[in-house]
Amino acid sequence: MIRRLAAYLGDNRKYVAYCFFLVTGEVVCELLMPLLMARIIDVGIPANDIWYIARIGVLMVVLGVIAIGLGVTNMRFSAY
């Protein structure tokens, strides 16, 4: 089946590889968010550490922006 698919890809193989890595990066960023939220709940709130909560919150925002960027770039490459 992969050989059949590879025959249709032709010159677009590099775009398929880019999309694979971009989707993987986007998924990793999105899967880290619940883990970070759990750390805020398990570590930051019981310790009443506002700076820890703020740092993790900023990290979550950065990961969200990275995930959006990867998703948009993936859509751009998949349009070729």
PDB file of N, CA and C in Angstrom:
ATOM      1  N   MET A   1       0.819  -1.186   0.000  1.00  0.00           N
ATOM      2  CA  MET A   1       0.000   0.000   0.000  1.00  0.00           C
ATOM      3  C   MET A   1       0.873   1.264   0.000  1.00  0.00           C
ATOM      4  N   ILE A   2       1.971   1.214   0.737  1.00  0.00           N
ATOM      5  CA  ILE A   2       2.843   2.382   0.785  1.00  0.00           C
ATOM      6  C   ILE A   2       3.508   2.596  -0.572  1.00  0.00           C
ATOM      7  N   ARG A   3       3.827   1.542  -1.257  1.00  0.00           N
ATOM      8  CA  ARG A   3       4.414   1.693  -2.590  1.00  0.00           C
ATOM      9  C   ARG A   3       3.422   2.361  -3.535  1.00  0.00           C
ATOM     10  N   ARG A   4       2.182   1.977  -3.431  1.00  0.00           N
ATOM     11  CA  ARG A   4       1.159   2.582  -4.283  1.00  0.00           C
ATOM     12  C   ARG A   4       1.025   4.074  -3.971  1.00  0.00           C
ATOM     13  N   LEU A   5       1.028   4.400  -2.700  1.00  0.00           N
ATOM     14  CA  LEU A   5       0.941   5.803  -2.296  1.00  0.00           C
ATOM     15  C   LEU A   5       2.183   6.571  -2.739  1.00  0.00           C
ATOM     16  N   ALA A   6       3.354   5.970  -2.594  1.00  0.00           N
ATOM     17  CA  ALA A   6       4.606   6.631  -2.980  1.00  0.00           C
ATOM     18  C   ALA A   6       4.643   6.912  -4.478  1.00  0.00           C
ATOM     19  N   ALA A   7       4.008   6.077  -5.262  1.00  0.00           N
ATOM     20  CA  ALA A   7       3.987   6.302  -6.708  1.00  0.00           C
ATOM     21  C   ALA A   7       3.218   7.570  -7.059  1.00  0.00           C
ATOM     22  N   TYR A   8       2.214   7.908  -6.276  1.00  0.00           N
ATOM     23  CA  TYR A   8       1.419   9.108  -6.542  1.00  0.00           C
ATOM     24  C   TYR A   8       2.048  10.380  -5.972  1.00  0.00           C
ATOM     25  N   LEU A   9       2.965  10.228  -5.056  1.00  0.00           N
ATOM     26  CA  LEU A   9       3.554  11.412  -4.428  1.00  0.00           C
ATOM     27  C   LEU A   9       4.467  12.178  -5.375  1.00  0.00           C
ATOM     28  N   GLY A  10       5.303  11.468  -6.077  1.00  0.00           N
ATOM     29  CA  GLY A  10       6.197  12.107  -7.030  1.00  0.00           C
ATOM     30  C   GLY A  10       7.105  13.129  -6.374  1.00  0.00           C
ATOM     31  N   ASP A  11       7.025  14.369  -6.842  1.00  0.00           N
ATOM     32  CA  ASP A  11       7.883  15.442  -6.330  1.00  0.00           C
ATOM     33  C   ASP A  11       7.417  15.977  -4.984  1.00  0.00           C
ATOM     34  N   ASN A  12       6.278  15.560  -4.531  1.00  0.00           N
ATOM     35  CA  ASN A  12       5.714  16.092  -3.289  1.00  0.00           C
ATOM     36  C   ASN A  12       6.145  15.332  -2.044  1.00  0.00           C
ATOM     37  N   ARG A  13       7.097  14.447  -2.166  1.00  0.00           N
ATOM     38  CA  ARG A  13       7.529  13.654  -1.006  1.00  0.00           C
ATOM     39  C   ARG A  13       8.062  14.526   0.121  1.00  0.00           C
ATOM     40  N   LYS A  14       8.798  15.564  -0.231  1.00  0.00           N
ATOM     41  CA  LYS A  14       9.352  16.414   0.820  1.00  0.00           C
ATOM     42  C   LYS A  14       8.239  17.140   1.573  1.00  0.00           C
ATOM     43  N   TYR A  15       7.165  17.519   0.874  1.00  0.00           N
ATOM     44  CA  TYR A  15       6.051  18.186   1.554  1.00  0.00           C
ATOM     45  C   TYR A  15       5.316  17.232   2.486  1.00  0.00           C
ATOM     46  N   VAL A  16       5.216  15.982   2.090  1.00  0.00           N
ATOM     47  CA  VAL A  16       4.595  14.979   2.960  1.00  0.00           C
ATOM     48  C   VAL A  16       5.444  14.779   4.209  1.00  0.00           C
ATOM     49  N   ALA A  17       6.760  14.744   4.044  1.00  0.00           N
ATOM     50  CA  ALA A  17       7.652  14.604   5.204  1.00  0.00           C
ATOM     51  C   ALA A  17       7.552  15.822   6.107  1.00  0.00           C
ATOM     52  N   TYR A  18       7.518  17.029   5.519  1.00  0.00           N
ATOM     53  CA  TYR A  18       7.360  18.244   6.323  1.00  0.00           C
ATOM     54  C   TYR A  18       6.062  18.185   7.122  1.00  0.00           C
ATOM     55  N   CYS A  19       4.983  17.799   6.456  1.00  0.00           N
ATOM     56  CA  CYS A  19       3.680  17.745   7.130  1.00  0.00           C
ATOM     57  C   CYS A  19       3.689  16.736   8.267  1.00  0.00           C
ATOM     58  N   PHE A  20       4.346  15.609   8.062  1.00  0.00           N
ATOM     59  CA  PHE A  20       4.423  14.600   9.120  1.00  0.00           C
ATOM     60  C   PHE A  20       5.108  15.169  10.358  1.00  0.00           C
ATOM     61  N   PHE A  21       6.237  15.831  10.166  1.00  0.00           N
ATOM     62  CA  PHE A  21       6.965  16.387  11.309  1.00  0.00           C
ATOM     63  C   PHE A  21       6.231  17.574  11.933  1.00  0.00           C
ATOM     64  N   LEU A  22       5.572  18.364  11.122  1.00  0.00           N
ATOM     65  CA  LEU A  22       4.817  19.492  11.664  1.00  0.00           C
ATOM     66  C   LEU A  22       3.633  19.019  12.497  1.00  0.00           C
ATOM     67  N   VAL A  23       2.928  18.009  12.016  1.00  0.00           N
ATOM     68  CA  VAL A  23       1.796  17.468  12.781  1.00  0.00           C
ATOM     69  C   VAL A  23       2.293  16.838  14.072  1.00  0.00           C
ATOM     70  N   THR A  24       3.411  16.135  14.005  1.00  0.00           N
ATOM     71  CA  THR A  24       3.974  15.534  15.214  1.00  0.00           C
ATOM     72  C   THR A  24       4.334  16.604  16.239  1.00  0.00           C
ATOM     73  N   GLY A  25       4.962  17.679  15.803  1.00  0.00           N
ATOM     74  CA  GLY A  25       5.297  18.773  16.714  1.00  0.00           C
ATOM     75  C   GLY A  25       4.066  19.429  17.306  1.00  0.00           C
ATOM     76  N   GLU A  26       3.043  19.618  16.483  1.00  0.00           N
ATOM     77  CA  GLU A  26       1.801  20.222  16.969  1.00  0.00           C
ATOM     78  C   GLU A  26       1.139  19.340  18.025  1.00  0.00           C
ATOM     79  N   VAL A  27       1.109  18.056  17.775  1.00  0.00           N
ATOM     80  CA  VAL A  27       0.487  17.130  18.728  1.00  0.00           C
ATOM     81  C   VAL A  27       1.261  17.097  20.037  1.00  0.00           C
ATOM     82  N   VAL A  28       2.588  17.115  19.962  1.00  0.00           N
ATOM     83  CA  VAL A  28       3.398  17.124  21.187  1.00  0.00           C
ATOM     84  C   VAL A  28       3.107  18.378  22.001  1.00  0.00           C
ATOM     85  N   CYS A  29       3.050  19.525  21.331  1.00  0.00           N
ATOM     86  CA  CYS A  29       2.739  20.776  22.045  1.00  0.00           C
ATOM     87  C   CYS A  29       1.370  20.711  22.707  1.00  0.00           C
ATOM     88  N   GLU A  30       0.393  20.171  22.005  1.00  0.00           N
ATOM     89  CA  GLU A  30      -0.958  20.115  22.558  1.00  0.00           C
ATOM     90  C   GLU A  30      -1.083  19.076  23.667  1.00  0.00           C
ATOM     91  N   LEU A  31      -0.296  18.011  23.600  1.00  0.00           N
ATOM     92  CA  LEU A  31      -0.359  16.997  24.651  1.00  0.00           C
ATOM     93  C   LEU A  31       0.386  17.415  25.911  1.00  0.00           C
ATOM     94  N   LEU A  32       1.295  18.362  25.796  1.00  0.00           N
ATOM     95  CA  LEU A  32       2.000  18.848  26.978  1.00  0.00           C
ATOM     96  C   LEU A  32       1.129  19.767  27.837  1.00  0.00           C
ATOM     97  N   MET A  33       0.120  20.371  27.250  1.00  0.00           N
ATOM     98  CA  MET A  33      -0.700  21.330  27.996  1.00  0.00           C
ATOM     99  C   MET A  33      -1.436  20.717  29.187  1.00  0.00           C
ATOM    100  N   PRO A  34      -2.105  19.580  29.040  1.00  0.00           N
ATOM    101  CA  PRO A  34      -2.737  18.992  30.228  1.00  0.00           C
ATOM    102  C   PRO A  34      -1.727  18.587  31.302  1.00  0.00           C
ATOM    103  N   LEU A  35      -0.540  18.161  30.890  1.00  0.00           N
ATOM    104  CA  LEU A  35       0.510  17.830  31.849  1.00  0.00           C
ATOM    105  C   LEU A  35       0.926  19.069  32.639  1.00  0.00           C
ATOM    106  N   LEU A  36       1.082  20.175  31.951  1.00  0.00           N
ATOM    107  CA  LEU A  36       1.450  21.416  32.633  1.00  0.00           C
ATOM    108  C   LEU A  36       0.329  21.899  33.548  1.00  0.00           C
ATOM    109  N   MET A  37      -0.918  21.748  33.107  1.00  0.00           N
ATOM    110  CA  MET A  37      -2.045  22.131  33.961  1.00  0.00           C
ATOM    111  C   MET A  37      -2.072  21.267  35.219  1.00  0.00           C
ATOM    112  N   ALA A  38      -1.766  19.991  35.074  1.00  0.00           N
ATOM    113  CA  ALA A  38      -1.715  19.107  36.241  1.00  0.00           C
ATOM    114  C   ALA A  38      -0.607  19.534  37.195  1.00  0.00           C
ATOM    115  N   ARG A  39       0.514  19.995  36.655  1.00  0.00           N
ATOM    116  CA  ARG A  39       1.603  20.464  37.529  1.00  0.00           C
ATOM    117  C   ARG A  39       1.203  21.736  38.268  1.00  0.00           C
ATOM    118  N   ILE A  40       0.451  22.597  37.602  1.00  0.00           N
ATOM    119  CA  ILE A  40      -0.043  23.791  38.292  1.00  0.00           C
ATOM    120  C   ILE A  40      -0.937  23.385  39.453  1.00  0.00           C
ATOM    121  N   ILE A  41      -1.829  22.438  39.198  1.00  0.00           N
ATOM    122  CA  ILE A  41      -2.780  22.010  40.231  1.00  0.00           C
ATOM    123  C   ILE A  41      -2.078  21.236  41.337  1.00  0.00           C
ATOM    124  N   ASP A  42      -1.151  20.351  40.985  1.00  0.00           N
ATOM    125  CA  ASP A  42      -0.510  19.489  41.979  1.00  0.00           C
ATOM    126  C   ASP A  42       0.626  20.174  42.740  1.00  0.00           C
ATOM    127  N   VAL A  43       1.332  21.096  42.100  1.00  0.00           N
ATOM    128  CA  VAL A  43       2.510  21.696  42.725  1.00  0.00           C
ATOM    129  C   VAL A  43       2.275  23.164  43.081  1.00  0.00           C
ATOM    130  N   GLY A  44       1.816  23.938  42.134  1.00  0.00           N
ATOM    131  CA  GLY A  44       1.733  25.377  42.325  1.00  0.00           C
ATOM    132  C   GLY A  44       0.663  25.825  43.294  1.00  0.00           C
ATOM    133  N   ILE A  45      -0.525  25.265  43.176  1.00  0.00           N
ATOM    134  CA  ILE A  45      -1.632  25.695  44.041  1.00  0.00           C
ATOM    135  C   ILE A  45      -1.420  25.273  45.488  1.00  0.00           C
ATOM    136  N   PRO A  46      -1.043  24.011  45.785  1.00  0.00           N
ATOM    137  CA  PRO A  46      -0.822  23.662  47.202  1.00  0.00           C
ATOM    138  C   PRO A  46       0.305  24.468  47.853  1.00  0.00           C
ATOM    139  N   ALA A  47       1.332  24.823  47.078  1.00  0.00           N
ATOM    140  CA  ALA A  47       2.442  25.600  47.632  1.00  0.00           C
ATOM    141  C   ALA A  47       2.139  27.097  47.633  1.00  0.00           C
ATOM    142  N   ASN A  48       1.024  27.483  47.024  1.00  0.00           N
ATOM    143  CA  ASN A  48       0.631  28.889  46.910  1.00  0.00           C
ATOM    144  C   ASN A  48       1.759  29.710  46.270  1.00  0.00           C
ATOM    145  N   ASP A  49       2.386  29.114  45.264  1.00  0.00           N
ATOM    146  CA  ASP A  49       3.524  29.727  44.577  1.00  0.00           C
ATOM    147  C   ASP A  49       3.027  30.413  43.306  1.00  0.00           C
ATOM    148  N   ILE A  50       2.786  31.708  43.402  1.00  0.00           N
ATOM    149  CA  ILE A  50       2.245  32.467  42.281  1.00  0.00           C
ATOM    150  C   ILE A  50       3.228  32.507  41.111  1.00  0.00           C
ATOM    151  N   TRP A  51       4.520  32.631  41.417  1.00  0.00           N
ATOM    152  CA  TRP A  51       5.515  32.699  40.345  1.00  0.00           C
ATOM    153  C   TRP A  51       5.584  31.393  39.560  1.00  0.00           C
ATOM    154  N   TYR A  52       5.464  30.273  40.245  1.00  0.00           N
ATOM    155  CA  TYR A  52       5.462  28.974  39.567  1.00  0.00           C
ATOM    156  C   TYR A  52       4.246  28.871  38.648  1.00  0.00           C
ATOM    157  N   ILE A  53       3.095  29.261  39.173  1.00  0.00           N
ATOM    158  CA  ILE A  53       1.860  29.204  38.387  1.00  0.00           C
ATOM    159  C   ILE A  53       1.976  30.118  37.167  1.00  0.00           C
ATOM    160  N   ALA A  54       2.538  31.312  37.365  1.00  0.00           N
ATOM    161  CA  ALA A  54       2.690  32.251  36.253  1.00  0.00           C
ATOM    162  C   ALA A  54       3.666  31.720  35.208  1.00  0.00           C
ATOM    163  N   ARG A  55       4.786  31.139  35.647  1.00  0.00           N
ATOM    164  CA  ARG A  55       5.771  30.589  34.695  1.00  0.00           C
ATOM    165  C   ARG A  55       5.166  29.473  33.865  1.00  0.00           C
ATOM    166  N   ILE A  56       4.473  28.564  34.532  1.00  0.00           N
ATOM    167  CA  ILE A  56       3.859  27.454  33.800  1.00  0.00           C
ATOM    168  C   ILE A  56       2.755  27.977  32.881  1.00  0.00           C
ATOM    169  N   GLY A  57       2.017  28.973  33.339  1.00  0.00           N
ATOM    170  CA  GLY A  57       0.983  29.576  32.495  1.00  0.00           C
ATOM    171  C   GLY A  57       1.560  30.217  31.249  1.00  0.00           C
ATOM    172  N   VAL A  58       2.666  30.942  31.411  1.00  0.00           N
ATOM    173  CA  VAL A  58       3.330  31.546  30.250  1.00  0.00           C
ATOM    174  C   VAL A  58       3.855  30.460  29.322  1.00  0.00           C
ATOM    175  N   LEU A  59       4.404  29.398  29.884  1.00  0.00           N
ATOM    176  CA  LEU A  59       4.873  28.278  29.069  1.00  0.00           C
ATOM    177  C   LEU A  59       3.719  27.658  28.281  1.00  0.00           C
ATOM    178  N   MET A  60       2.555  27.557  28.901  1.00  0.00           N
ATOM    179  CA  MET A  60       1.387  27.019  28.201  1.00  0.00           C
ATOM    180  C   MET A  60       0.969  27.926  27.049  1.00  0.00           C
ATOM    181  N   VAL A  61       1.020  29.225  27.268  1.00  0.00           N
ATOM    182  CA  VAL A  61       0.682  30.163  26.190  1.00  0.00           C
ATOM    183  C   VAL A  61       1.682  30.042  25.049  1.00  0.00           C
ATOM    184  N   VAL A  62       2.960  29.949  25.382  1.00  0.00           N
ATOM    185  CA  VAL A  62       3.998  29.805  24.350  1.00  0.00           C
ATOM    186  C   VAL A  62       3.793  28.512  23.569  1.00  0.00           C
ATOM    187  N   LEU A  63       3.498  27.420  24.272  1.00  0.00           N
ATOM    188  CA  LEU A  63       3.241  26.152  23.581  1.00  0.00           C
ATOM    189  C   LEU A  63       2.014  26.254  22.685  1.00  0.00           C
ATOM    190  N   GLY A  64       1.005  26.967  23.137  1.00  0.00           N
ATOM    191  CA  GLY A  64      -0.180  27.165  22.309  1.00  0.00           C
ATOM    192  C   GLY A  64       0.132  27.936  21.038  1.00  0.00           C
ATOM    193  N   VAL A  65       0.935  28.976  21.159  1.00  0.00           N
ATOM    194  CA  VAL A  65       1.323  29.766  19.986  1.00  0.00           C
ATOM    195  C   VAL A  65       2.175  28.924  19.034  1.00  0.00           C
ATOM    196  N   ILE A  66       3.081  28.134  19.592  1.00  0.00           N
ATOM    197  CA  ILE A  66       3.902  27.245  18.752  1.00  0.00           C
ATOM    198  C   ILE A  66       3.020  26.230  18.037  1.00  0.00           C
ATOM    199  N   ALA A  67       2.046  25.658  18.752  1.00  0.00           N
ATOM    200  CA  ALA A  67       1.142  24.683  18.138  1.00  0.00           C
ATOM    201  C   ALA A  67       0.342  25.323  17.008  1.00  0.00           C
ATOM    202  N   ILE A  68      -0.121  26.545  17.219  1.00  0.00           N
ATOM    203  CA  ILE A  68      -0.856  27.237  16.155  1.00  0.00           C
ATOM    204  C   ILE A  68       0.059  27.482  14.959  1.00  0.00           C
ATOM    205  N   GLY A  69       1.276  27.916  15.221  1.00  0.00           N
ATOM    206  CA  GLY A  69       2.225  28.147  14.132  1.00  0.00           C
ATOM    207  C   GLY A  69       2.532  26.884  13.347  1.00  0.00           C
ATOM    208  N   LEU A  70       2.721  25.790  14.065  1.00  0.00           N
ATOM    209  CA  LEU A  70       2.979  24.518  13.384  1.00  0.00           C
ATOM    210  C   LEU A  70       1.770  24.073  12.572  1.00  0.00           C
ATOM    211  N   GLY A  71       0.575  24.267  13.126  1.00  0.00           N
ATOM    212  CA  GLY A  71      -0.640  23.891  12.407  1.00  0.00           C
ATOM    213  C   GLY A  71      -0.843  24.708  11.144  1.00  0.00           C
ATOM    214  N   VAL A  72      -0.619  26.016  11.236  1.00  0.00           N
ATOM    215  CA  VAL A  72      -0.770  26.878  10.059  1.00  0.00           C
ATOM    216  C   VAL A  72       0.279  26.531   9.011  1.00  0.00           C
ATOM    217  N   THR A  73       1.506  26.294   9.448  1.00  0.00           N
ATOM    218  CA  THR A  73       2.561  25.911   8.509  1.00  0.00           C
ATOM    219  C   THR A  73       2.240  24.572   7.862  1.00  0.00           C
ATOM    220  N   ASN A  74       1.685  23.653   8.635  1.00  0.00           N
ATOM    221  CA  ASN A  74       1.287  22.362   8.088  1.00  0.00           C
ATOM    222  C   ASN A  74       0.219  22.541   7.015  1.00  0.00           C
ATOM    223  N   MET A  75      -0.766  23.391   7.285  1.00  0.00           N
ATOM    224  CA  MET A  75      -1.805  23.635   6.277  1.00  0.00           C
ATOM    225  C   MET A  75      -1.211  24.256   5.018  1.00  0.00           C
ATOM    226  N   ARG A  76      -0.239  25.110   5.210  1.00  0.00           N
ATOM    227  CA  ARG A  76       0.408  25.754   4.066  1.00  0.00           C
ATOM    228  C   ARG A  76       1.132  24.715   3.198  1.00  0.00           C
ATOM    229  N   PHE A  77       1.888  23.817   3.849  1.00  0.00           N
ATOM    230  CA  PHE A  77       2.599  22.792   3.090  1.00  0.00           C
ATOM    231  C   PHE A  77       1.648  21.776   2.478  1.00  0.00           C
ATOM    232  N   SER A  78       0.554  21.478   3.152  1.00  0.00           N
ATOM    233  CA  SER A  78      -0.365  20.474   2.614  1.00  0.00           C
ATOM    234  C   SER A  78      -1.169  21.021   1.441  1.00  0.00           C
ATOM    235  N   ALA A  79      -1.149  22.329   1.234  1.00  0.00           N
ATOM    236  CA  ALA A  79      -1.867  22.914   0.107  1.00  0.00           C
ATOM    237  C   ALA A  79      -1.108  22.750  -1.209  1.00  0.00           C
ATOM    238  N   TYR A  80       0.165  22.374  -1.136  1.00  0.00           N
ATOM    239  CA  TYR A  80       0.942  22.233  -2.369  1.00  0.00           C
ATOM    240  C   TYR A  80       0.558  21.008  -3.117  1.00  0.00           C
TER     241      TYR A  80
END
